[in-house]
Amino acid sequence: VLNWARTWLAAVSARCGVLPLLYTGPAFWTGLGAEARRTEWGQIPLWIAHYGVAAPDAPLPWGKTGWSAWQWSGSGRVDGVSGDVDRNVLAPGGSLDWLRWR
């Protein structure tokens, strides 16, 4: 999984001119083992999916406050949309640079 992710991130970054976010949940990422805790991964903006908590628990190497976006619910409601939608929040004081398409 990590080799595939590394290859995909490099390809998208080269094609689009921007480093994409890495989307994962804490249990999944931690389950990938020591290789997933390498500092190189911490350079990639993290979009963490962590439901039912007051604040996300981002895994190493990002640490508690190293996330860029937090998906806190998968069962939100939005006017004009039938059915459930994901609910997300950007990191407090975080940069929106990762949203820019180049």
N, C-alpha and C. Protein backbone atom coordinates (compact mmCIF):
# COMPACT_ATOMS: atom_id res chain seq x y z
N VAL A 1 0.83 -1.19 0.00
CA VAL A 1 0.00 0.00 0.00
C VAL A 1 0.87 1.26 0.00
N LEU A 2 1.91 1.27 0.81
CA LEU A 2 2.75 2.47 0.91
C LEU A 2 3.52 2.74 -0.38
N ASN A 3 4.02 1.69 -1.03
CA ASN A 3 4.71 1.90 -2.31
C ASN A 3 3.75 2.44 -3.36
N TRP A 4 2.53 1.89 -3.39
CA TRP A 4 1.52 2.38 -4.33
C TRP A 4 1.20 3.85 -4.03
N ALA A 5 1.01 4.18 -2.76
CA ALA A 5 0.69 5.56 -2.38
C ALA A 5 1.83 6.51 -2.76
N ARG A 6 3.04 6.11 -2.52
CA ARG A 6 4.21 6.94 -2.86
C ARG A 6 4.24 7.20 -4.36
N THR A 7 4.02 6.17 -5.16
CA THR A 7 4.02 6.29 -6.63
C THR A 7 2.88 7.19 -7.09
N TRP A 8 1.69 6.99 -6.54
CA TRP A 8 0.52 7.79 -6.93
C TRP A 8 0.71 9.26 -6.56
N LEU A 9 1.19 9.52 -5.36
CA LEU A 9 1.42 10.90 -4.93
C LEU A 9 2.43 11.60 -5.83
N ALA A 10 3.49 10.91 -6.21
CA ALA A 10 4.51 11.50 -7.09
C ALA A 10 3.93 11.78 -8.47
N ALA A 11 3.12 10.86 -9.00
CA ALA A 11 2.54 11.03 -10.33
C ALA A 11 1.55 12.20 -10.36
N VAL A 12 0.70 12.28 -9.36
CA VAL A 12 -0.28 13.37 -9.30
C VAL A 12 0.43 14.70 -9.10
N SER A 13 1.42 14.73 -8.25
CA SER A 13 2.18 15.95 -8.01
C SER A 13 2.87 16.43 -9.28
N ALA A 14 3.47 15.50 -10.02
CA ALA A 14 4.15 15.87 -11.27
C ALA A 14 3.16 16.37 -12.31
N ARG A 15 2.01 15.75 -12.40
CA ARG A 15 1.01 16.10 -13.41
C ARG A 15 0.29 17.40 -13.08
N CYS A 16 -0.02 17.61 -11.81
CA CYS A 16 -0.86 18.74 -11.41
C CYS A 16 -0.06 19.91 -10.84
N GLY A 17 1.18 19.68 -10.47
CA GLY A 17 2.00 20.75 -9.92
C GLY A 17 1.69 21.07 -8.47
N VAL A 18 0.99 20.17 -7.79
CA VAL A 18 0.67 20.37 -6.38
C VAL A 18 0.67 19.00 -5.70
N LEU A 19 1.12 18.97 -4.46
CA LEU A 19 1.13 17.72 -3.71
C LEU A 19 -0.28 17.46 -3.18
N PRO A 20 -0.90 16.35 -3.54
CA PRO A 20 -2.27 16.07 -3.06
C PRO A 20 -2.27 15.70 -1.58
N LEU A 21 -3.43 15.77 -0.99
CA LEU A 21 -3.59 15.32 0.39
C LEU A 21 -3.60 13.80 0.43
N LEU A 22 -3.17 13.27 1.55
CA LEU A 22 -3.26 11.85 1.80
C LEU A 22 -4.45 11.65 2.75
N TYR A 23 -5.42 10.84 2.33
CA TYR A 23 -6.63 10.61 3.11
C TYR A 23 -6.53 9.24 3.78
N THR A 24 -6.67 9.22 5.09
CA THR A 24 -6.62 7.95 5.82
C THR A 24 -7.28 8.11 7.19
N GLY A 25 -7.49 7.01 7.84
CA GLY A 25 -7.94 7.00 9.23
C GLY A 25 -6.79 6.58 10.12
N PRO A 26 -6.83 6.95 11.41
CA PRO A 26 -5.71 6.64 12.29
C PRO A 26 -5.43 5.14 12.43
N ALA A 27 -6.45 4.32 12.56
CA ALA A 27 -6.23 2.88 12.75
C ALA A 27 -5.64 2.24 11.50
N PHE A 28 -6.13 2.64 10.34
CA PHE A 28 -5.59 2.08 9.10
C PHE A 28 -4.12 2.43 8.94
N TRP A 29 -3.79 3.73 9.11
CA TRP A 29 -2.41 4.17 8.90
C TRP A 29 -1.46 3.53 9.91
N THR A 30 -1.87 3.49 11.16
CA THR A 30 -1.03 2.88 12.20
C THR A 30 -0.79 1.40 11.90
N GLY A 31 -1.81 0.74 11.38
CA GLY A 31 -1.70 -0.68 11.03
C GLY A 31 -0.71 -0.98 9.92
N LEU A 32 -0.25 0.05 9.22
CA LEU A 32 0.72 -0.17 8.14
C LEU A 32 2.14 -0.35 8.66
N GLY A 33 2.36 -0.13 9.95
CA GLY A 33 3.65 -0.44 10.56
C GLY A 33 4.66 0.68 10.55
N ALA A 34 5.90 0.32 10.84
CA ALA A 34 6.98 1.29 11.03
C ALA A 34 7.24 2.13 9.79
N GLU A 35 7.13 1.55 8.62
CA GLU A 35 7.36 2.30 7.37
C GLU A 35 6.43 3.51 7.27
N ALA A 36 5.21 3.37 7.78
CA ALA A 36 4.23 4.47 7.72
C ALA A 36 4.56 5.60 8.69
N ARG A 37 5.43 5.37 9.64
CA ARG A 37 5.81 6.41 10.61
C ARG A 37 7.03 7.21 10.18
N ARG A 38 7.58 6.89 9.02
CA ARG A 38 8.76 7.61 8.53
C ARG A 38 8.43 9.08 8.32
N THR A 39 9.38 9.95 8.61
CA THR A 39 9.15 11.39 8.53
C THR A 39 8.77 11.87 7.14
N GLU A 40 9.16 11.16 6.09
CA GLU A 40 8.82 11.58 4.73
C GLU A 40 7.30 11.71 4.55
N TRP A 41 6.54 10.86 5.20
CA TRP A 41 5.08 10.92 5.08
C TRP A 41 4.52 12.18 5.72
N GLY A 42 5.19 12.68 6.75
CA GLY A 42 4.74 13.88 7.44
C GLY A 42 4.82 15.14 6.60
N GLN A 43 5.51 15.08 5.46
CA GLN A 43 5.61 16.22 4.55
C GLN A 43 4.38 16.34 3.66
N ILE A 44 3.55 15.32 3.65
CA ILE A 44 2.35 15.28 2.81
C ILE A 44 1.17 15.79 3.63
N PRO A 45 0.40 16.73 3.11
CA PRO A 45 -0.77 17.21 3.85
C PRO A 45 -1.73 16.04 4.15
N LEU A 46 -2.19 15.99 5.39
CA LEU A 46 -3.04 14.88 5.84
C LEU A 46 -4.50 15.30 5.95
N TRP A 47 -5.36 14.49 5.34
CA TRP A 47 -6.81 14.62 5.48
C TRP A 47 -7.22 13.39 6.29
N ILE A 48 -7.50 13.59 7.57
CA ILE A 48 -7.75 12.49 8.49
C ILE A 48 -9.25 12.25 8.69
N ALA A 49 -9.65 11.00 8.55
CA ALA A 49 -11.04 10.60 8.82
C ALA A 49 -11.08 10.00 10.22
N HIS A 50 -11.73 10.70 11.14
CA HIS A 50 -11.81 10.22 12.52
C HIS A 50 -13.13 10.69 13.11
N TYR A 51 -14.06 9.76 13.25
CA TYR A 51 -15.42 10.05 13.69
C TYR A 51 -15.58 9.86 15.20
N GLY A 52 -16.53 10.58 15.76
CA GLY A 52 -16.92 10.37 17.15
C GLY A 52 -15.93 10.86 18.18
N VAL A 53 -15.07 11.80 17.81
CA VAL A 53 -14.08 12.34 18.75
C VAL A 53 -14.15 13.86 18.74
N ALA A 54 -13.66 14.47 19.82
CA ALA A 54 -13.67 15.94 19.91
C ALA A 54 -12.57 16.56 19.05
N ALA A 55 -11.51 15.81 18.81
CA ALA A 55 -10.41 16.25 17.96
C ALA A 55 -9.77 15.01 17.35
N PRO A 56 -9.29 15.11 16.12
CA PRO A 56 -8.72 13.91 15.49
C PRO A 56 -7.40 13.50 16.12
N ASP A 57 -7.16 12.23 16.10
CA ASP A 57 -5.90 11.68 16.59
C ASP A 57 -5.08 11.26 15.38
N ALA A 58 -4.34 12.22 14.83
CA ALA A 58 -3.54 11.94 13.64
C ALA A 58 -2.38 11.04 14.02
N PRO A 59 -2.12 10.02 13.22
CA PRO A 59 -1.03 9.09 13.53
C PRO A 59 0.33 9.72 13.25
N LEU A 60 1.36 9.07 13.77
CA LEU A 60 2.72 9.48 13.43
C LEU A 60 2.94 9.19 11.94
N PRO A 61 3.65 10.01 11.24
CA PRO A 61 4.52 11.07 11.70
C PRO A 61 3.88 12.45 11.83
N TRP A 62 2.58 12.58 11.58
CA TRP A 62 1.93 13.89 11.64
C TRP A 62 1.73 14.39 13.07
N GLY A 63 1.34 13.52 13.95
CA GLY A 63 1.06 13.91 15.33
C GLY A 63 -0.29 14.58 15.46
N LYS A 64 -0.69 14.86 16.68
CA LYS A 64 -2.05 15.34 16.97
C LYS A 64 -2.46 16.57 16.17
N THR A 65 -1.57 17.51 15.96
CA THR A 65 -1.96 18.76 15.29
C THR A 65 -1.44 18.85 13.86
N GLY A 66 -0.96 17.76 13.30
CA GLY A 66 -0.36 17.81 11.98
C GLY A 66 -1.30 17.60 10.81
N TRP A 67 -2.58 17.65 11.04
CA TRP A 67 -3.54 17.42 9.96
C TRP A 67 -3.92 18.72 9.26
N SER A 68 -4.31 18.61 7.98
CA SER A 68 -4.75 19.75 7.18
C SER A 68 -6.27 19.82 7.11
N ALA A 69 -6.90 18.66 7.06
CA ALA A 69 -8.37 18.59 7.02
C ALA A 69 -8.80 17.38 7.84
N TRP A 70 -9.97 17.52 8.47
CA TRP A 70 -10.50 16.45 9.32
C TRP A 70 -11.92 16.13 8.88
N GLN A 71 -12.14 14.90 8.47
CA GLN A 71 -13.49 14.42 8.17
C GLN A 71 -14.04 13.86 9.48
N TRP A 72 -14.98 14.60 10.06
CA TRP A 72 -15.46 14.23 11.39
C TRP A 72 -16.79 13.48 11.37
N SER A 73 -17.42 13.40 10.19
CA SER A 73 -18.69 12.67 10.10
C SER A 73 -18.92 12.21 8.67
N GLY A 74 -19.55 11.08 8.55
CA GLY A 74 -19.95 10.58 7.24
C GLY A 74 -21.45 10.54 7.09
N SER A 75 -22.14 11.17 8.05
CA SER A 75 -23.60 11.10 8.03
C SER A 75 -24.22 12.49 8.24
N GLY A 76 -23.61 13.49 7.66
CA GLY A 76 -24.14 14.85 7.78
C GLY A 76 -25.29 15.10 6.82
N ARG A 77 -25.96 16.20 7.03
CA ARG A 77 -27.06 16.62 6.16
C ARG A 77 -26.78 18.03 5.67
N VAL A 78 -27.10 18.25 4.40
CA VAL A 78 -26.91 19.55 3.77
C VAL A 78 -28.16 19.84 2.95
N ASP A 79 -28.69 21.05 3.09
CA ASP A 79 -29.86 21.44 2.29
C ASP A 79 -29.58 21.23 0.81
N GLY A 80 -30.54 20.63 0.11
CA GLY A 80 -30.42 20.43 -1.32
C GLY A 80 -29.77 19.11 -1.71
N VAL A 81 -29.31 18.35 -0.72
CA VAL A 81 -28.69 17.06 -1.00
C VAL A 81 -29.49 15.99 -0.27
N SER A 82 -29.95 15.00 -1.01
CA SER A 82 -30.67 13.91 -0.35
C SER A 82 -29.65 12.86 0.08
N GLY A 83 -29.82 12.36 1.27
CA GLY A 83 -28.90 11.35 1.78
C GLY A 83 -27.76 11.96 2.58
N ASP A 84 -26.92 11.08 3.09
CA ASP A 84 -25.80 11.48 3.93
C ASP A 84 -24.68 12.11 3.11
N VAL A 85 -23.98 13.05 3.75
CA VAL A 85 -22.78 13.65 3.17
C VAL A 85 -21.67 13.64 4.22
N ASP A 86 -20.44 13.66 3.75
CA ASP A 86 -19.31 13.76 4.66
C ASP A 86 -19.23 15.18 5.19
N ARG A 87 -18.79 15.32 6.43
CA ARG A 87 -18.59 16.64 7.04
C ARG A 87 -17.12 16.77 7.37
N ASN A 88 -16.54 17.90 6.97
CA ASN A 88 -15.11 18.13 7.12
C ASN A 88 -14.85 19.51 7.68
N VAL A 89 -13.66 19.69 8.25
CA VAL A 89 -13.23 20.99 8.74
C VAL A 89 -11.74 21.12 8.41
N LEU A 90 -11.33 22.36 8.10
CA LEU A 90 -9.92 22.63 7.87
C LEU A 90 -9.23 22.87 9.21
N ALA A 91 -7.95 22.59 9.26
CA ALA A 91 -7.18 22.79 10.48
C ALA A 91 -7.20 24.25 10.89
N PRO A 92 -7.37 24.55 12.18
CA PRO A 92 -7.36 25.94 12.64
C PRO A 92 -6.03 26.61 12.30
N GLY A 93 -6.12 27.77 11.70
CA GLY A 93 -4.92 28.51 11.36
C GLY A 93 -4.11 27.89 10.24
N GLY A 94 -4.64 26.87 9.62
CA GLY A 94 -3.91 26.18 8.56
C GLY A 94 -3.90 26.97 7.27
N SER A 95 -2.96 26.64 6.44
CA SER A 95 -2.83 27.27 5.14
C SER A 95 -3.75 26.59 4.13
N LEU A 96 -4.27 27.36 3.22
CA LEU A 96 -5.09 26.80 2.15
C LEU A 96 -4.26 26.57 0.89
N ASP A 97 -2.95 26.66 1.00
CA ASP A 97 -2.09 26.49 -0.17
C ASP A 97 -2.33 25.15 -0.86
N TRP A 98 -2.64 24.12 -0.11
CA TRP A 98 -2.83 22.80 -0.70
C TRP A 98 -4.08 22.72 -1.57
N LEU A 99 -4.95 23.75 -1.49
CA LEU A 99 -6.15 23.76 -2.33
C LEU A 99 -5.89 24.34 -3.72
N ARG A 100 -4.76 24.99 -3.90
CA ARG A 100 -4.49 25.66 -5.18
C ARG A 100 -4.09 24.68 -6.26
N TRP A 101 -4.77 24.76 -7.38
CA TRP A 101 -4.43 23.97 -8.56
C TRP A 101 -3.44 24.77 -9.38
N ARG A 102 -2.38 24.13 -9.81
CA ARG A 102 -1.36 24.86 -10.59
C ARG A 102 -1.31 24.36 -11.99
